[in-house]
């Protein structure tokens, strides 16, 4: 069965979206309230589905839609609120 070009164009790009996960190192977390602030900033990034921030490990794990955002934008979100981060792992 042949699929026409028009049919392909009508298919939403979200059909090709993939869920990605990135882990950020955030060494600037100095108190138990820091993860709350960081999580709030991360979940405000369009496309972020889940943000888990751990004070003990000074890290955040973020699951996102790669059509709507990317790891660098997520990393910048922490820096924009005063918590510079680096990308440890991206899956």
Protein backbone atom coordinates (compact mmCIF):
# COMPACT_ATOMS: atom_id res chain seq x y z
CA UNK A 1 0.00 0.00 0.00
CA UNK A 2 1.42 3.35 -1.02
CA UNK A 3 1.29 6.32 1.32
CA UNK A 4 0.96 9.63 -0.42
CA UNK A 5 3.15 12.60 0.43
CA UNK A 6 0.05 14.50 1.52
CA UNK A 7 -0.77 11.78 4.03
CA UNK A 8 2.73 11.96 5.44
CA UNK A 9 2.50 15.73 5.78
CA UNK A 10 -0.79 15.46 7.61
CA UNK A 11 0.69 13.18 10.25
CA UNK A 12 1.50 15.21 13.33
CA UNK A 13 5.16 15.63 14.16
CA UNK A 14 4.30 14.56 17.70
CA UNK A 15 3.87 11.07 16.29
CA UNK A 16 7.65 11.06 15.87
CA UNK A 17 8.34 12.57 19.28
CA UNK A 18 10.49 10.58 21.61
CA UNK A 19 10.67 10.76 25.35
CA UNK A 20 14.18 11.60 26.48
CA UNK A 21 15.68 11.64 29.95
CA UNK A 22 18.54 13.83 31.10
CA UNK A 23 20.35 13.87 34.43
CA UNK A 24 21.85 17.17 35.54
CA UNK A 25 24.50 17.75 38.17
CA UNK A 26 23.53 20.82 40.22
CA UNK A 27 26.30 21.39 42.79
CA UNK A 28 24.90 24.73 43.96
CA UNK A 29 22.07 23.19 45.97
CA UNK A 30 22.87 24.27 49.53
CA UNK A 31 19.64 23.72 51.44
CA UNK A 32 16.63 21.44 51.55
CA UNK A 33 14.45 24.13 49.90
CA UNK A 34 16.62 24.29 46.76
CA UNK A 35 15.05 21.21 45.11
CA UNK A 36 11.60 22.78 45.36
CA UNK A 37 12.73 25.90 43.50
CA UNK A 38 14.62 23.90 40.89
CA UNK A 39 11.75 21.47 40.28
CA UNK A 40 9.35 24.36 39.80
CA UNK A 41 11.64 25.92 37.18
CA UNK A 42 12.14 22.63 35.37
CA UNK A 43 8.45 21.79 35.19
CA UNK A 44 7.77 25.20 33.65
CA UNK A 45 9.83 24.27 30.59
CA UNK A 46 7.40 23.34 27.84
CA UNK A 47 7.69 19.63 27.07
CA UNK A 48 8.98 18.54 30.49
CA UNK A 49 6.87 15.64 31.73
CA UNK A 50 8.67 14.70 34.94
CA UNK A 51 11.32 16.46 37.01
CA UNK A 52 12.84 14.77 40.05
CA UNK A 53 15.37 16.77 42.08
CA UNK A 54 17.48 15.16 44.77
CA UNK A 55 19.22 17.35 47.34
CA UNK A 56 21.37 14.51 48.67
CA UNK A 57 22.91 13.70 45.27
CA UNK A 58 22.74 17.32 44.03
CA UNK A 59 21.15 16.10 40.80
CA UNK A 60 17.96 16.35 38.79
CA UNK A 61 16.50 13.76 36.45
CA UNK A 62 14.17 15.19 33.84
CA UNK A 63 11.97 13.37 31.33
CA UNK A 64 10.87 15.45 28.36
CA UNK A 65 9.40 15.41 24.86
CA UNK A 66 12.28 15.96 22.44
CA UNK A 67 10.07 17.75 19.92
CA UNK A 68 9.16 20.47 22.42
CA UNK A 69 12.48 20.97 24.21
CA UNK A 70 16.02 19.68 24.55
CA UNK A 71 18.61 18.96 27.22
CA UNK A 72 20.40 22.28 26.75
CA UNK A 73 17.19 24.28 27.29
CA UNK A 74 16.52 22.28 30.44
CA UNK A 75 20.06 22.90 31.66
CA UNK A 76 19.64 26.62 31.01
CA UNK A 77 16.43 26.65 33.07
CA UNK A 78 18.40 25.82 36.21
CA UNK A 79 21.05 28.42 35.43
CA UNK A 80 18.40 31.07 34.86
CA UNK A 81 17.30 30.75 38.49
CA UNK A 82 20.82 30.77 39.90
CA UNK A 83 21.60 27.06 39.94
CA UNK A 84 24.09 26.36 37.13
CA UNK A 85 24.09 22.74 36.07
CA UNK A 86 25.93 20.37 33.77
CA UNK A 87 24.56 17.47 31.81
CA UNK A 88 25.71 14.21 33.39
CA UNK A 89 23.74 11.69 31.34
CA UNK A 90 21.27 11.88 28.49
CA UNK A 91 19.23 8.86 27.41
